[in-house]
Amino acid sequence: MDVIECLEQTAPRFHGSDENPRNWRLGAFGVNWMKSNLKADWHCLETGAGYTTCVMAQYCKSVITISPLDKEHMRIKSWLVENGFSHENIKFIHDLPQKYLPFLKNIHVDLLLIDGGHAFPYPIIDWYYGSMFLKKDGYLLVDNIEINSVRILYDFLLTESDVWALQDRDEEFSVFQKKKDFSYERVKWIDQVFNK
């Protein structure tokens, strides 16, 4: 059975406390995009952990997932093992993405998923540092764009279409492709369309 079918049938609750486990899964649009587009030789980086971790681990070469809740990592590993899927290609980082990403070095990824902390400014910090590792022509996935603090990032990316080309979206999930290598380290605010 495919990992996506298994997730849909078993509906695991990776998130929340032991007393109140939750299923904060990626919506159908995002899951379908991943199923149709992920490649076996891709290296992936995600902030947050959950269904997406399981899907990328089965469809791609490697996954680095950064989230502060070790219980989520253990639940994901257990579910994968119980259902006959490997987790050997997942590197679980037990830390806050905004603390860990600035010190991450020497990686290049084909896909970056922003789906960790949703409070402002975490999505922007995760994108700022994570996007440095995204290869040209790689994909940036931003989940929960219906939340204002995430929507700010989405709206900014739309104004940077020479770097970030919107490929697909629904009301919650968006896909951008990185059109060129670019660093925001020395950009002036007056040169950004977002500020005009």
N, C-alpha and C. Protein backbone atom coordinates (compact mmCIF):
# COMPACT_ATOMS: atom_id res chain seq x y z
N MET A 1 0.84 -1.19 0.00
CA MET A 1 0.00 0.00 0.00
C MET A 1 0.89 1.25 0.00
N ASP A 2 0.49 2.23 -0.77
CA ASP A 2 1.20 3.50 -0.84
C ASP A 2 1.10 4.23 0.51
N VAL A 3 2.13 4.98 0.84
CA VAL A 3 2.17 5.69 2.12
C VAL A 3 1.01 6.67 2.26
N ILE A 4 0.61 7.32 1.18
CA ILE A 4 -0.49 8.28 1.25
C ILE A 4 -1.81 7.56 1.54
N GLU A 5 -2.04 6.45 0.87
CA GLU A 5 -3.25 5.65 1.14
C GLU A 5 -3.26 5.17 2.58
N CYS A 6 -2.11 4.74 3.07
CA CYS A 6 -2.01 4.25 4.45
C CYS A 6 -2.28 5.37 5.45
N LEU A 7 -1.75 6.55 5.19
CA LEU A 7 -2.03 7.70 6.07
C LEU A 7 -3.52 8.02 6.08
N GLU A 8 -4.14 7.99 4.92
CA GLU A 8 -5.57 8.30 4.84
C GLU A 8 -6.41 7.26 5.56
N GLN A 9 -6.02 5.99 5.47
CA GLN A 9 -6.78 4.92 6.11
C GLN A 9 -6.60 4.90 7.63
N THR A 10 -5.38 5.14 8.08
CA THR A 10 -5.10 5.02 9.52
C THR A 10 -5.26 6.33 10.28
N ALA A 11 -5.19 7.47 9.58
CA ALA A 11 -5.35 8.80 10.19
C ALA A 11 -4.57 8.96 11.50
N PRO A 12 -3.25 8.77 11.47
CA PRO A 12 -2.47 8.87 12.71
C PRO A 12 -2.49 10.29 13.28
N ARG A 13 -2.37 10.35 14.59
CA ARG A 13 -2.34 11.64 15.29
C ARG A 13 -0.93 11.88 15.79
N PHE A 14 -0.14 12.53 14.98
CA PHE A 14 1.26 12.79 15.31
C PHE A 14 1.44 13.97 16.25
N HIS A 15 0.48 14.87 16.28
CA HIS A 15 0.63 16.14 17.00
C HIS A 15 -0.14 16.15 18.31
N GLY A 16 0.11 17.17 19.11
CA GLY A 16 -0.61 17.33 20.37
C GLY A 16 -0.01 16.53 21.51
N SER A 17 -0.64 16.64 22.66
CA SER A 17 -0.16 15.94 23.87
C SER A 17 -0.63 14.49 23.87
N ASP A 18 -0.10 13.70 24.80
CA ASP A 18 -0.55 12.32 24.94
C ASP A 18 -2.03 12.27 25.32
N GLU A 19 -2.47 13.24 26.12
CA GLU A 19 -3.86 13.29 26.56
C GLU A 19 -4.79 13.77 25.46
N ASN A 20 -4.27 14.57 24.54
CA ASN A 20 -5.09 15.17 23.49
C ASN A 20 -4.35 15.16 22.15
N PRO A 21 -4.11 13.95 21.59
CA PRO A 21 -3.39 13.88 20.32
C PRO A 21 -4.21 14.50 19.19
N ARG A 22 -3.51 15.10 18.23
CA ARG A 22 -4.16 15.81 17.12
C ARG A 22 -3.68 15.28 15.78
N ASN A 23 -4.49 15.54 14.78
CA ASN A 23 -4.15 15.20 13.40
C ASN A 23 -4.17 16.49 12.60
N TRP A 24 -3.05 17.20 12.59
CA TRP A 24 -2.94 18.44 11.82
C TRP A 24 -2.27 18.12 10.50
N ARG A 25 -3.00 17.43 9.67
CA ARG A 25 -2.45 16.94 8.41
C ARG A 25 -2.47 18.00 7.32
N LEU A 26 -1.63 17.77 6.34
CA LEU A 26 -1.63 18.60 5.14
C LEU A 26 -2.92 18.33 4.38
N GLY A 27 -3.51 19.37 3.80
CA GLY A 27 -4.74 19.22 3.04
C GLY A 27 -4.56 18.40 1.77
N ALA A 28 -5.68 17.98 1.19
CA ALA A 28 -5.67 17.12 0.00
C ALA A 28 -4.92 17.74 -1.17
N PHE A 29 -5.05 19.04 -1.36
CA PHE A 29 -4.37 19.71 -2.47
C PHE A 29 -2.86 19.55 -2.35
N GLY A 30 -2.32 19.80 -1.16
CA GLY A 30 -0.88 19.67 -0.93
C GLY A 30 -0.40 18.25 -1.07
N VAL A 31 -1.17 17.30 -0.52
CA VAL A 31 -0.81 15.88 -0.63
C VAL A 31 -0.78 15.46 -2.09
N ASN A 32 -1.80 15.86 -2.86
CA ASN A 32 -1.84 15.50 -4.28
C ASN A 32 -0.69 16.12 -5.06
N TRP A 33 -0.33 17.37 -4.71
CA TRP A 33 0.82 17.98 -5.38
C TRP A 33 2.07 17.16 -5.11
N MET A 34 2.27 16.78 -3.86
CA MET A 34 3.46 16.01 -3.51
C MET A 34 3.47 14.67 -4.24
N LYS A 35 2.34 13.99 -4.25
CA LYS A 35 2.26 12.68 -4.91
C LYS A 35 2.61 12.79 -6.40
N SER A 36 2.19 13.86 -7.04
CA SER A 36 2.41 14.04 -8.48
C SER A 36 3.80 14.58 -8.83
N ASN A 37 4.47 15.23 -7.89
CA ASN A 37 5.68 15.97 -8.24
C ASN A 37 6.97 15.54 -7.55
N LEU A 38 6.90 14.89 -6.40
CA LEU A 38 8.13 14.51 -5.70
C LEU A 38 8.93 13.54 -6.56
N LYS A 39 10.26 13.65 -6.47
CA LYS A 39 11.16 12.81 -7.26
C LYS A 39 12.06 11.99 -6.33
N ALA A 40 12.40 10.79 -6.80
CA ALA A 40 13.17 9.84 -5.99
C ALA A 40 14.56 10.34 -5.63
N ASP A 41 15.13 11.25 -6.42
CA ASP A 41 16.49 11.73 -6.13
C ASP A 41 16.51 13.05 -5.36
N TRP A 42 15.36 13.51 -4.92
CA TRP A 42 15.28 14.80 -4.22
C TRP A 42 15.73 14.70 -2.77
N HIS A 43 16.33 15.80 -2.33
CA HIS A 43 16.65 16.02 -0.92
C HIS A 43 15.70 17.11 -0.43
N CYS A 44 15.06 16.87 0.72
CA CYS A 44 14.02 17.77 1.21
C CYS A 44 14.35 18.30 2.60
N LEU A 45 13.89 19.50 2.86
CA LEU A 45 14.03 20.15 4.17
C LEU A 45 12.67 20.68 4.56
N GLU A 46 12.23 20.38 5.77
CA GLU A 46 10.94 20.90 6.22
C GLU A 46 11.03 21.44 7.63
N THR A 47 10.27 22.50 7.87
CA THR A 47 10.07 22.97 9.23
C THR A 47 8.70 22.45 9.65
N GLY A 48 8.66 21.82 10.81
CA GLY A 48 7.47 21.08 11.21
C GLY A 48 7.67 19.61 10.87
N ALA A 49 6.72 18.79 11.28
CA ALA A 49 6.80 17.35 11.03
C ALA A 49 5.39 16.78 11.03
N GLY A 50 5.20 15.71 10.29
CA GLY A 50 3.87 15.08 10.26
C GLY A 50 3.69 14.22 9.03
N TYR A 51 2.51 14.29 8.43
CA TYR A 51 2.21 13.51 7.23
C TYR A 51 3.26 13.76 6.15
N THR A 52 3.64 15.02 6.00
CA THR A 52 4.59 15.37 4.95
C THR A 52 5.93 14.66 5.14
N THR A 53 6.34 14.49 6.38
CA THR A 53 7.59 13.78 6.67
C THR A 53 7.50 12.35 6.13
N CYS A 54 6.39 11.71 6.41
CA CYS A 54 6.17 10.32 5.96
C CYS A 54 6.16 10.23 4.44
N VAL A 55 5.47 11.15 3.80
CA VAL A 55 5.35 11.13 2.34
C VAL A 55 6.71 11.38 1.69
N MET A 56 7.41 12.42 2.12
CA MET A 56 8.71 12.72 1.53
C MET A 56 9.71 11.60 1.75
N ALA A 57 9.65 10.96 2.91
CA ALA A 57 10.59 9.87 3.21
C ALA A 57 10.41 8.69 2.25
N GLN A 58 9.20 8.46 1.80
CA GLN A 58 8.94 7.34 0.90
C GLN A 58 9.14 7.70 -0.57
N TYR A 59 8.97 8.95 -0.91
CA TYR A 59 9.05 9.38 -2.31
C TYR A 59 10.41 9.97 -2.68
N CYS A 60 11.18 10.43 -1.70
CA CYS A 60 12.42 11.17 -1.98
C CYS A 60 13.63 10.48 -1.37
N LYS A 61 14.81 10.98 -1.72
CA LYS A 61 16.06 10.38 -1.25
C LYS A 61 16.32 10.66 0.22
N SER A 62 16.09 11.91 0.66
CA SER A 62 16.35 12.24 2.06
C SER A 62 15.46 13.38 2.53
N VAL A 63 15.24 13.41 3.83
CA VAL A 63 14.41 14.44 4.46
C VAL A 63 15.10 14.89 5.74
N ILE A 64 15.22 16.20 5.90
CA ILE A 64 15.60 16.78 7.19
C ILE A 64 14.35 17.47 7.70
N THR A 65 13.90 17.07 8.87
CA THR A 65 12.71 17.68 9.46
C THR A 65 13.09 18.30 10.79
N ILE A 66 12.73 19.56 10.96
CA ILE A 66 13.11 20.30 12.15
C ILE A 66 11.86 20.72 12.90
N SER A 67 11.72 20.21 14.11
CA SER A 67 10.61 20.62 14.98
C SER A 67 11.02 20.37 16.42
N PRO A 68 10.47 21.14 17.35
CA PRO A 68 10.94 21.06 18.73
C PRO A 68 10.33 19.92 19.55
N LEU A 69 9.38 19.19 18.99
CA LEU A 69 8.64 18.21 19.78
C LEU A 69 9.11 16.79 19.46
N ASP A 70 9.94 16.26 20.34
CA ASP A 70 10.49 14.92 20.14
C ASP A 70 9.39 13.86 20.10
N LYS A 71 8.29 14.10 20.83
CA LYS A 71 7.18 13.14 20.81
C LYS A 71 6.63 12.96 19.40
N GLU A 72 6.56 14.05 18.64
CA GLU A 72 6.08 13.95 17.26
C GLU A 72 7.03 13.07 16.44
N HIS A 73 8.31 13.26 16.63
CA HIS A 73 9.29 12.47 15.90
C HIS A 73 9.13 10.99 16.24
N MET A 74 8.96 10.68 17.52
CA MET A 74 8.80 9.29 17.94
C MET A 74 7.51 8.70 17.38
N ARG A 75 6.43 9.47 17.38
CA ARG A 75 5.16 8.97 16.82
C ARG A 75 5.29 8.69 15.33
N ILE A 76 5.98 9.57 14.62
CA ILE A 76 6.17 9.37 13.18
C ILE A 76 6.99 8.11 12.93
N LYS A 77 8.11 7.96 13.63
CA LYS A 77 8.94 6.77 13.47
C LYS A 77 8.14 5.50 13.77
N SER A 78 7.40 5.51 14.87
CA SER A 78 6.60 4.33 15.26
C SER A 78 5.57 3.99 14.19
N TRP A 79 4.88 5.00 13.69
CA TRP A 79 3.86 4.75 12.67
C TRP A 79 4.49 4.16 11.41
N LEU A 80 5.63 4.72 10.99
CA LEU A 80 6.30 4.21 9.80
C LEU A 80 6.69 2.74 9.98
N VAL A 81 7.30 2.41 11.11
CA VAL A 81 7.72 1.03 11.37
C VAL A 81 6.50 0.11 11.43
N GLU A 82 5.47 0.51 12.16
CA GLU A 82 4.26 -0.32 12.31
C GLU A 82 3.58 -0.61 10.98
N ASN A 83 3.76 0.29 10.03
CA ASN A 83 3.09 0.13 8.73
C ASN A 83 4.03 -0.30 7.61
N GLY A 84 5.24 -0.71 7.99
CA GLY A 84 6.16 -1.30 7.02
C GLY A 84 6.92 -0.31 6.15
N PHE A 85 7.06 0.92 6.62
CA PHE A 85 7.79 1.94 5.87
C PHE A 85 9.10 2.27 6.59
N SER A 86 10.09 2.65 5.82
CA SER A 86 11.40 2.99 6.39
C SER A 86 11.43 4.45 6.86
N HIS A 87 12.27 4.69 7.86
CA HIS A 87 12.55 6.07 8.29
C HIS A 87 14.05 6.34 8.30
N GLU A 88 14.80 5.45 7.66
CA GLU A 88 16.26 5.55 7.67
C GLU A 88 16.78 6.79 6.94
N ASN A 89 15.99 7.32 6.01
CA ASN A 89 16.44 8.49 5.25
C ASN A 89 15.93 9.81 5.84
N ILE A 90 15.36 9.74 7.04
CA ILE A 90 14.88 10.96 7.71
C ILE A 90 15.88 11.35 8.79
N LYS A 91 16.27 12.61 8.78
CA LYS A 91 17.08 13.15 9.87
C LYS A 91 16.15 14.04 10.69
N PHE A 92 15.83 13.60 11.89
CA PHE A 92 14.96 14.36 12.78
C PHE A 92 15.82 15.30 13.62
N ILE A 93 15.53 16.59 13.54
CA ILE A 93 16.23 17.59 14.34
C ILE A 93 15.26 18.07 15.41
N HIS A 94 15.60 17.80 16.66
CA HIS A 94 14.76 18.18 17.79
C HIS A 94 15.17 19.57 18.27
N ASP A 95 14.60 20.59 17.60
CA ASP A 95 14.94 21.97 17.93
C ASP A 95 13.92 22.90 17.27
N LEU A 96 13.93 24.14 17.66
CA LEU A 96 13.12 25.15 16.99
C LEU A 96 13.79 25.50 15.67
N PRO A 97 13.06 25.49 14.55
CA PRO A 97 13.69 25.81 13.27
C PRO A 97 14.39 27.16 13.27
N GLN A 98 13.79 28.16 13.91
CA GLN A 98 14.39 29.50 13.90
C GLN A 98 15.70 29.55 14.69
N LYS A 99 15.92 28.59 15.57
CA LYS A 99 17.20 28.51 16.29
C LYS A 99 18.21 27.65 15.53
N TYR A 100 17.73 26.61 14.87
CA TYR A 100 18.63 25.65 14.22
C TYR A 100 19.07 26.08 12.82
N LEU A 101 18.14 26.58 12.03
CA LEU A 101 18.44 26.89 10.62
C LEU A 101 19.61 27.85 10.41
N PRO A 102 19.78 28.89 11.25
CA PRO A 102 20.91 29.80 11.00
C PRO A 102 22.28 29.13 11.10
N PHE A 103 22.34 27.96 11.74
CA PHE A 103 23.62 27.29 11.93
C PHE A 103 23.79 26.06 11.03
N LEU A 104 22.77 25.75 10.24
CA LEU A 104 22.84 24.63 9.31
C LEU A 104 23.79 25.00 8.17
N LYS A 105 24.63 24.06 7.77
CA LYS A 105 25.62 24.36 6.74
C LYS A 105 25.74 23.20 5.76
N ASN A 106 26.25 23.55 4.58
CA ASN A 106 26.67 22.58 3.57
C ASN A 106 25.58 21.59 3.14
N ILE A 107 24.37 22.09 2.96
CA ILE A 107 23.34 21.24 2.37
C ILE A 107 22.71 21.99 1.19
N HIS A 108 22.19 21.23 0.27
CA HIS A 108 21.47 21.77 -0.88
C HIS A 108 20.24 20.90 -1.05
N VAL A 109 19.08 21.52 -1.10
CA VAL A 109 17.84 20.75 -1.18
C VAL A 109 17.05 21.11 -2.43
N ASP A 110 16.23 20.16 -2.84
CA ASP A 110 15.36 20.33 -4.00
C ASP A 110 13.98 20.85 -3.60
N LEU A 111 13.66 20.68 -2.33
CA LEU A 111 12.34 21.09 -1.84
C LEU A 111 12.47 21.62 -0.42
N LEU A 112 11.83 22.75 -0.16
CA LEU A 112 11.75 23.34 1.17
C LEU A 112 10.28 23.50 1.51
N LEU A 113 9.85 22.91 2.61
CA LEU A 113 8.47 23.03 3.08
C LEU A 113 8.44 23.87 4.35
N ILE A 114 7.69 24.97 4.31
CA ILE A 114 7.51 25.82 5.48
C ILE A 114 6.16 25.46 6.10
N ASP A 115 6.22 24.74 7.23
CA ASP A 115 4.99 24.31 7.91
C ASP A 115 5.27 24.06 9.39
N GLY A 116 6.15 24.89 9.96
CA GLY A 116 6.48 24.75 11.38
C GLY A 116 5.62 25.68 12.21
N GLY A 117 6.25 26.49 13.04
CA GLY A 117 5.50 27.46 13.84
C GLY A 117 4.79 28.46 12.95
N HIS A 118 3.54 28.73 13.26
CA HIS A 118 2.75 29.63 12.42
C HIS A 118 2.61 31.03 13.00
N ALA A 119 3.06 31.23 14.22
CA ALA A 119 3.00 32.57 14.82
C ALA A 119 4.03 33.47 14.15
N PHE A 120 3.71 34.74 14.01
CA PHE A 120 4.65 35.71 13.46
C PHE A 120 5.81 35.88 14.43
N PRO A 121 7.06 35.89 13.98
CA PRO A 121 7.56 35.92 12.60
C PRO A 121 8.12 34.58 12.11
N TYR A 122 7.76 33.47 12.78
CA TYR A 122 8.42 32.19 12.49
C TYR A 122 8.39 31.76 11.03
N PRO A 123 7.27 31.87 10.31
CA PRO A 123 7.31 31.43 8.91
C PRO A 123 8.33 32.21 8.07
N ILE A 124 8.47 33.49 8.37
CA ILE A 124 9.40 34.33 7.61
C ILE A 124 10.84 33.97 7.96
N ILE A 125 11.11 33.73 9.23
CA ILE A 125 12.46 33.32 9.64
C ILE A 125 12.81 31.97 9.01
N ASP A 126 11.86 31.03 9.08
CA ASP A 126 12.10 29.70 8.49
C ASP A 126 12.40 29.81 7.00
N TRP A 127 11.61 30.64 6.30
CA TRP A 127 11.83 30.83 4.86
C TRP A 127 13.18 31.51 4.61
N TYR A 128 13.49 32.56 5.35
CA TYR A 128 14.72 33.32 5.11
C TYR A 128 15.95 32.41 5.18
N TYR A 129 16.05 31.65 6.25
CA TYR A 129 17.22 30.78 6.39
C TYR A 129 17.11 29.53 5.53
N GLY A 130 15.94 28.93 5.47
CA GLY A 130 15.77 27.70 4.69
C GLY A 130 15.98 27.90 3.21
N SER A 131 15.57 29.05 2.68
CA SER A 131 15.67 29.28 1.24
C SER A 131 17.12 29.38 0.76
N MET A 132 18.04 29.65 1.67
CA MET A 132 19.46 29.69 1.29
C MET A 132 19.96 28.33 0.83
N PHE A 133 19.30 27.27 1.28
CA PHE A 133 19.72 25.91 0.94
C PHE A 133 18.98 25.35 -0.27
N LEU A 134 17.97 26.07 -0.73
CA LEU A 134 17.16 25.59 -1.85
C LEU A 134 17.87 25.85 -3.17
N LYS A 135 18.01 24.80 -3.97
CA LYS A 135 18.68 24.91 -5.27
C LYS A 135 17.85 25.76 -6.23
N LYS A 136 18.52 26.32 -7.22
CA LYS A 136 17.81 26.97 -8.32
C LYS A 136 16.90 25.93 -8.97
N ASP A 137 15.69 26.33 -9.30
CA ASP A 137 14.64 25.47 -9.85
C ASP A 137 14.03 24.54 -8.81
N GLY A 138 14.46 24.65 -7.55
CA GLY A 138 13.84 23.89 -6.48
C GLY A 138 12.48 24.46 -6.11
N TYR A 139 11.76 23.72 -5.30
CA TYR A 139 10.39 24.09 -4.95
C TYR A 139 10.27 24.51 -3.48
N LEU A 140 9.57 25.60 -3.30
CA LEU A 140 9.24 26.12 -1.97
C LEU A 140 7.75 25.89 -1.76
N LEU A 141 7.41 25.11 -0.74
CA LEU A 141 6.01 24.85 -0.40
C LEU A 141 5.70 25.62 0.88
N VAL A 142 4.64 26.39 0.87
CA VAL A 142 4.23 27.17 2.04
C VAL A 142 2.82 26.74 2.39
N ASP A 143 2.66 26.13 3.57
CA ASP A 143 1.34 25.67 4.00
C ASP A 143 0.71 26.69 4.94
N ASN A 144 -0.59 26.64 4.99
CA ASN A 144 -1.42 27.49 5.87
C ASN A 144 -1.34 28.97 5.52
N ILE A 145 -1.41 29.27 4.23
CA ILE A 145 -1.38 30.67 3.80
C ILE A 145 -2.67 31.41 4.16
N GLU A 146 -3.65 30.69 4.68
CA GLU A 146 -4.88 31.35 5.15
C GLU A 146 -4.68 32.02 6.50
N ILE A 147 -3.56 31.72 7.19
CA ILE A 147 -3.24 32.34 8.47
C ILE A 147 -2.46 33.62 8.19
N ASN A 148 -2.86 34.73 8.79
CA ASN A 148 -2.26 36.03 8.48
C ASN A 148 -0.74 36.05 8.56
N SER A 149 -0.18 35.43 9.60
CA SER A 149 1.27 35.47 9.78
C SER A 149 2.01 34.71 8.68
N VAL A 150 1.36 33.73 8.08
CA VAL A 150 1.94 33.00 6.95
C VAL A 150 1.62 33.74 5.65
N ARG A 151 0.46 34.35 5.61
CA ARG A 151 0.02 35.08 4.41
C ARG A 151 0.98 36.23 4.07
N ILE A 152 1.57 36.82 5.09
CA ILE A 152 2.55 37.89 4.85
C ILE A 152 3.69 37.35 3.98
N LEU A 153 4.18 36.17 4.32
CA LEU A 153 5.24 35.55 3.52
C LEU A 153 4.75 35.29 2.11
N TYR A 154 3.57 34.70 1.98
CA TYR A 154 3.00 34.40 0.66
C TYR A 154 2.88 35.67 -0.18
N ASP A 155 2.32 36.72 0.41
CA ASP A 155 2.14 37.98 -0.32
C ASP A 155 3.49 38.58 -0.75
N PHE A 156 4.48 38.48 0.12
CA PHE A 156 5.82 38.96 -0.24
C PHE A 156 6.38 38.18 -1.42
N LEU A 157 6.28 36.86 -1.38
CA LEU A 157 6.81 36.03 -2.45
C LEU A 157 6.17 36.35 -3.80
N LEU A 158 4.89 36.69 -3.78
CA LEU A 158 4.21 37.06 -5.03
C LEU A 158 4.85 38.29 -5.67
N THR A 159 5.37 39.20 -4.85
CA THR A 159 6.00 40.42 -5.39
C THR A 159 7.43 40.17 -5.85
N GLU A 160 7.96 39.00 -5.56
CA GLU A 160 9.34 38.65 -5.92
C GLU A 160 9.33 37.62 -7.06
N SER A 161 8.47 37.83 -8.04
CA SER A 161 8.25 36.82 -9.09
C SER A 161 9.48 36.56 -9.97
N ASP A 162 10.45 37.46 -9.96
CA ASP A 162 11.68 37.19 -10.71
C ASP A 162 12.52 36.12 -10.01
N VAL A 163 12.30 35.92 -8.71
CA VAL A 163 12.99 34.89 -7.94
C VAL A 163 12.06 33.72 -7.63
N TRP A 164 10.84 34.02 -7.20
CA TRP A 164 9.88 33.02 -6.75
C TRP A 164 8.66 33.01 -7.67
N ALA A 165 8.57 32.02 -8.54
CA ALA A 165 7.45 31.92 -9.48
C ALA A 165 6.37 31.03 -8.88
N LEU A 166 5.18 31.59 -8.70
CA LEU A 166 4.06 30.81 -8.19
C LEU A 166 3.69 29.75 -9.22
N GLN A 167 3.67 28.49 -8.78
CA GLN A 167 3.35 27.37 -9.67
C GLN A 167 1.94 26.85 -9.47
N ASP A 168 1.48 26.86 -8.23
CA ASP A 168 0.16 26.30 -7.92
C ASP A 168 -0.24 26.73 -6.52
N ARG A 169 -1.55 26.68 -6.26
CA ARG A 169 -2.02 27.02 -4.92
C ARG A 169 -3.50 26.68 -4.77
N ASP A 170 -3.92 26.58 -3.54
CA ASP A 170 -5.34 26.60 -3.20
C ASP A 170 -5.48 27.58 -2.04
N GLU A 171 -6.54 27.50 -1.27
CA GLU A 171 -6.74 28.49 -0.21
C GLU A 171 -5.80 28.31 0.99
N GLU A 172 -5.13 27.15 1.09
CA GLU A 172 -4.25 26.89 2.24
C GLU A 172 -2.78 26.66 1.86
N PHE A 173 -2.52 26.21 0.67
CA PHE A 173 -1.21 25.67 0.30
C PHE A 173 -0.71 26.32 -0.98
N SER A 174 0.57 26.66 -1.02
CA SER A 174 1.13 27.28 -2.22
C SER A 174 2.46 26.64 -2.59
N VAL A 175 2.74 26.67 -3.89
CA VAL A 175 3.96 26.10 -4.45
C VAL A 175 4.66 27.18 -5.27
N PHE A 176 5.89 27.48 -4.91
CA PHE A 176 6.72 28.41 -5.66
C PHE A 176 7.94 27.67 -6.19
N GLN A 177 8.45 28.12 -7.33
CA GLN A 177 9.70 27.58 -7.84
C GLN A 177 10.75 28.69 -7.80
N LYS A 178 11.93 28.33 -7.31
CA LYS A 178 13.03 29.29 -7.21
C LYS A 178 13.68 29.43 -8.58
N LYS A 179 13.53 30.60 -9.19
CA LYS A 179 13.97 30.80 -10.56
C LYS A 179 15.45 31.15 -10.69
N LYS A 180 16.05 31.65 -9.63
CA LYS A 180 17.48 31.97 -9.70
C LYS A 180 18.05 31.95 -8.29
N ASP A 181 19.36 31.77 -8.23
CA ASP A 181 20.04 31.87 -6.94
C ASP A 181 20.02 33.33 -6.52
N PHE A 182 19.63 33.55 -5.29
CA PHE A 182 19.48 34.92 -4.83
C PHE A 182 19.60 34.96 -3.32
N SER A 183 20.26 35.98 -2.82
CA SER A 183 20.39 36.17 -1.38
C SER A 183 19.75 37.49 -0.99
N TYR A 184 19.04 37.47 0.11
CA TYR A 184 18.39 38.68 0.62
C TYR A 184 19.27 39.41 1.65
N GLU A 185 20.51 38.98 1.80
CA GLU A 185 21.37 39.54 2.84
C GLU A 185 21.64 41.02 2.69
N ARG A 186 21.72 41.52 1.46
CA ARG A 186 22.07 42.93 1.26
C ARG A 186 21.03 43.69 0.44
N VAL A 187 19.82 43.23 0.44
CA VAL A 187 18.75 43.89 -0.31
C VAL A 187 18.30 45.15 0.43
N LYS A 188 18.07 46.23 -0.32
CA LYS A 188 17.56 47.47 0.27
C LYS A 188 16.04 47.46 0.21
N TRP A 189 15.42 47.97 1.25
CA TRP A 189 13.96 47.94 1.32
C TRP A 189 13.32 48.73 0.18
N ILE A 190 13.96 49.81 -0.24
CA ILE A 190 13.36 50.65 -1.28
C ILE A 190 13.37 49.97 -2.65
N ASP A 191 14.17 48.92 -2.80
CA ASP A 191 14.23 48.20 -4.07
C ASP A 191 13.20 47.07 -4.16
N GLN A 192 12.47 46.84 -3.08
CA GLN A 192 11.51 45.74 -3.08
C GLN A 192 10.11 46.23 -3.45
N VAL A 193 9.50 45.54 -4.39
CA VAL A 193 8.13 45.86 -4.82
C VAL A 193 7.17 45.82 -3.63
N PHE A 194 7.40 44.90 -2.72
CA PHE A 194 6.55 44.74 -1.53
C PHE A 194 6.42 46.03 -0.73
N ASN A 195 7.44 46.87 -0.77
CA ASN A 195 7.47 48.10 0.02
C ASN A 195 7.03 49.34 -0.76
N LYS A 196 6.51 49.16 -1.95
CA LYS A 196 6.10 50.32 -2.76
C LYS A 196 4.60 50.53 -2.70
